Amino acid sequence: MIETRMDRLNIKLLRALQEDGRLTNQELGERVGLSPSQCSRRRAALESAGYIESYKALLSADALGLGVTVFVRVALSTHSPENSAQFLKLITGLDEVQEAYSLTGDSDYLVRMMVPGLAELTEILNDIFLPHESVAHVHTSIVLDRLKQSSHLPLGHLENKLTEHR
């Protein structure tokens, strides 16, 4: 990874790109007060340093008929590297799984899925999750209403570090 110094302009660039990753260097420069060539160099440096992982199109789940979001807490049948690997293979193979996290506490994993409806959810739970040898039990929570969704990372701590170093 290339060393790139985080300064106010780089933070402004990151904020603008989080808002709209399709900005041209001309548009980006207008937003942050740099020339297009300076934006291009800084953007390339931020990409090379790993601050920018990728650019994506965000699709509308509702428009695509994926109206049910569900969180599934999973407890493993046994705690071993092999069983964890089996569970990882299970969720990796399911397109409906959007995110999965290993947890502390009562559950071993938290899985977020998106499905068209309750029939599809029932099928995944009864035919895939519950019979799987790595799974002891599951607890599901169906989302009634999404109050906030963001893929934007908070960057205020970077600005605070700059202020502290003055």
Protein backbone atom coordinates (compact mmCIF):
# COMPACT_ATOMS: atom_id res chain seq x y z
CA MET A 1 0.00 0.00 0.00
CA ILE A 2 1.29 3.46 -0.90
CA GLU A 3 1.64 5.99 1.91
CA THR A 4 -0.78 8.86 1.33
CA ARG A 5 -0.98 11.69 3.81
CA MET A 6 -4.50 12.43 4.95
CA ASP A 7 -5.15 16.17 4.75
CA ARG A 8 -8.25 18.36 4.54
CA LEU A 9 -8.37 18.17 0.74
CA ASN A 10 -8.19 14.37 0.74
CA ILE A 11 -10.97 14.26 3.33
CA LYS A 12 -13.06 16.60 1.14
CA LEU A 13 -12.39 14.34 -1.85
CA LEU A 14 -13.46 11.25 0.09
CA ARG A 15 -16.65 12.96 1.28
CA ALA A 16 -17.55 14.06 -2.25
CA LEU A 17 -16.85 10.61 -3.71
CA GLN A 18 -19.00 8.95 -1.02
CA GLU A 19 -21.84 11.22 -2.13
CA ASP A 20 -21.32 10.46 -5.82
CA GLY A 21 -18.64 8.06 -7.00
CA ARG A 22 -19.35 8.98 -10.64
CA LEU A 23 -18.03 12.52 -10.33
CA THR A 24 -15.58 13.46 -13.05
CA ASN A 25 -12.31 15.04 -11.99
CA GLN A 26 -13.69 18.35 -13.30
CA GLU A 27 -16.81 18.08 -11.11
CA LEU A 28 -14.80 16.84 -8.16
CA GLY A 29 -12.40 19.77 -8.51
CA GLU A 30 -15.28 22.25 -8.51
CA ARG A 31 -16.59 20.74 -5.26
CA VAL A 32 -13.29 20.72 -3.38
CA GLY A 33 -11.43 23.65 -4.95
CA LEU A 34 -8.77 21.84 -6.97
CA SER A 35 -7.94 21.56 -10.66
CA PRO A 36 -9.08 18.40 -12.47
CA SER A 37 -5.47 17.19 -12.80
CA GLN A 38 -4.85 17.66 -9.06
CA CYS A 39 -8.08 15.73 -8.34
CA SER A 40 -6.99 12.95 -10.67
CA ARG A 41 -3.62 12.59 -8.95
CA ARG A 42 -5.13 12.69 -5.47
CA ARG A 43 -7.90 10.24 -6.38
CA ALA A 44 -5.36 7.82 -7.86
CA ALA A 45 -3.19 8.12 -4.73
CA LEU A 46 -6.21 7.48 -2.45
CA GLU A 47 -7.12 4.42 -4.55
CA SER A 48 -3.53 3.10 -4.50
CA ALA A 49 -3.31 3.62 -0.74
CA GLY A 50 -6.46 1.56 -0.24
CA TYR A 51 -8.69 4.36 1.08
CA ILE A 52 -11.04 3.83 -1.88
CA GLU A 53 -11.89 0.15 -2.30
CA SER A 54 -14.21 0.31 -5.32
CA TYR A 55 -16.94 2.14 -7.19
CA LYS A 56 -20.38 0.55 -7.43
CA ALA A 57 -23.92 1.09 -8.56
CA LEU A 58 -26.43 0.77 -5.71
CA LEU A 59 -29.49 -1.09 -6.92
CA SER A 60 -32.98 -0.58 -5.53
CA ALA A 61 -34.10 -3.68 -3.64
CA ASP A 62 -37.71 -2.51 -3.73
CA ALA A 63 -37.70 -1.88 -7.48
CA LEU A 64 -36.17 -5.33 -8.00
CA GLY A 65 -38.84 -7.05 -5.92
CA LEU A 66 -36.71 -7.76 -2.84
CA GLY A 67 -39.19 -6.41 -0.31
CA VAL A 68 -38.24 -8.39 2.79
CA THR A 69 -35.09 -7.73 4.78
CA VAL A 70 -34.38 -10.19 7.56
CA PHE A 71 -31.71 -10.56 10.20
CA VAL A 72 -30.90 -14.11 11.22
CA ARG A 73 -28.95 -14.86 14.39
CA VAL A 74 -27.27 -18.23 14.09
CA ALA A 75 -25.86 -20.48 16.78
CA LEU A 76 -23.47 -23.19 15.60
CA SER A 77 -23.96 -26.82 16.55
CA THR A 78 -20.32 -27.09 17.64
CA HIS A 79 -17.49 -24.59 17.88
CA SER A 80 -14.64 -25.75 15.72
CA PRO A 81 -12.70 -24.38 12.77
CA GLU A 82 -14.25 -27.04 10.53
CA ASN A 83 -17.81 -26.17 11.55
CA SER A 84 -17.14 -22.46 11.08
CA ALA A 85 -15.72 -23.18 7.63
CA GLN A 86 -18.85 -25.19 6.73
CA PHE A 87 -21.08 -22.32 7.81
CA LEU A 88 -18.97 -19.84 5.84
CA LYS A 89 -19.34 -22.03 2.75
CA LEU A 90 -23.12 -22.16 3.31
CA ILE A 91 -23.63 -18.40 3.47
CA THR A 92 -21.11 -17.65 0.72
CA GLY A 93 -23.23 -19.74 -1.64
CA LEU A 94 -26.46 -17.85 -0.94
CA ASP A 95 -27.06 -14.72 -3.04
CA GLU A 96 -29.75 -13.65 -0.59
CA VAL A 97 -27.12 -13.14 2.12
CA GLN A 98 -25.97 -9.54 1.93
CA GLU A 99 -23.81 -9.38 5.05
CA ALA A 100 -22.66 -11.74 7.77
CA TYR A 101 -20.84 -11.04 10.99
CA SER A 102 -19.17 -13.22 13.60
CA LEU A 103 -20.38 -12.13 17.05
CA THR A 104 -19.76 -12.33 20.74
CA GLY A 105 -22.69 -13.18 22.99
CA ASP A 106 -25.60 -15.61 22.62
CA SER A 107 -25.35 -15.98 18.85
CA ASP A 108 -22.32 -16.92 16.81
CA TYR A 109 -23.31 -15.07 13.64
CA LEU A 110 -25.63 -12.33 12.46
CA VAL A 111 -26.72 -12.64 8.84
CA ARG A 112 -28.62 -10.01 6.85
CA MET A 113 -30.63 -11.34 3.92
CA MET A 114 -32.95 -9.83 1.34
CA VAL A 115 -35.71 -11.95 -0.18
CA PRO A 116 -38.79 -11.32 -2.32
CA GLY A 117 -41.23 -12.53 0.32
CA LEU A 118 -41.98 -14.70 3.31
CA ALA A 119 -42.33 -17.87 1.21
CA GLU A 120 -38.74 -17.51 0.01
CA LEU A 121 -37.54 -16.78 3.52
CA THR A 122 -39.33 -19.86 4.85
CA GLU A 123 -37.73 -21.99 2.15
CA ILE A 124 -34.23 -20.73 2.93
CA LEU A 125 -34.66 -21.22 6.67
CA ASN A 126 -36.38 -24.63 6.55
CA ASP A 127 -34.57 -26.16 3.58
CA ILE A 128 -31.10 -24.66 3.82
CA PHE A 129 -30.22 -23.20 7.24
CA LEU A 130 -31.95 -25.49 9.72
CA PRO A 131 -30.97 -28.84 8.15
CA HIS A 132 -27.34 -27.74 7.72
CA GLU A 133 -25.03 -29.74 10.00
CA SER A 134 -23.16 -26.63 11.18
CA VAL A 135 -26.32 -24.90 12.49
CA ALA A 136 -27.85 -25.61 15.91
CA HIS A 137 -30.61 -23.00 15.79
CA VAL A 138 -31.62 -19.68 14.27
CA HIS A 139 -33.58 -16.66 15.44
CA THR A 140 -35.05 -14.39 12.80
CA SER A 141 -36.10 -10.76 12.90
CA ILE A 142 -37.99 -9.38 9.92
CA VAL A 143 -37.47 -5.69 9.25
CA LEU A 144 -40.72 -3.72 9.41
CA ASP A 145 -39.30 -0.36 8.36
CA ARG A 146 -35.82 0.86 7.46
CA LEU A 147 -35.12 4.01 9.45
CA LYS A 148 -31.67 4.73 8.07
CA GLN A 149 -29.39 3.22 5.49
CA SER A 150 -25.97 4.52 4.61
CA SER A 151 -22.84 3.23 3.01
CA HIS A 152 -21.01 6.44 3.99
CA LEU A 153 -18.25 6.04 6.51
CA PRO A 154 -17.85 8.72 9.20
CA LEU A 155 -14.78 10.86 8.50
CA GLY A 156 -14.96 13.40 11.34
CA HIS A 157 -12.27 11.59 13.33
CA LEU A 158 -9.80 12.28 10.49
CA GLU A 159 -10.54 16.00 10.68
CA ASN A 160 -10.19 15.88 14.47
CA LYS A 161 -6.71 14.33 14.12
CA LEU A 162 -5.67 17.16 11.81
CA THR A 163 -6.87 19.74 14.35
CA GLU A 164 -5.10 17.94 17.22
CA HIS A 165 -1.76 17.97 15.37
CA ARG A 166 -1.75 21.75 14.92
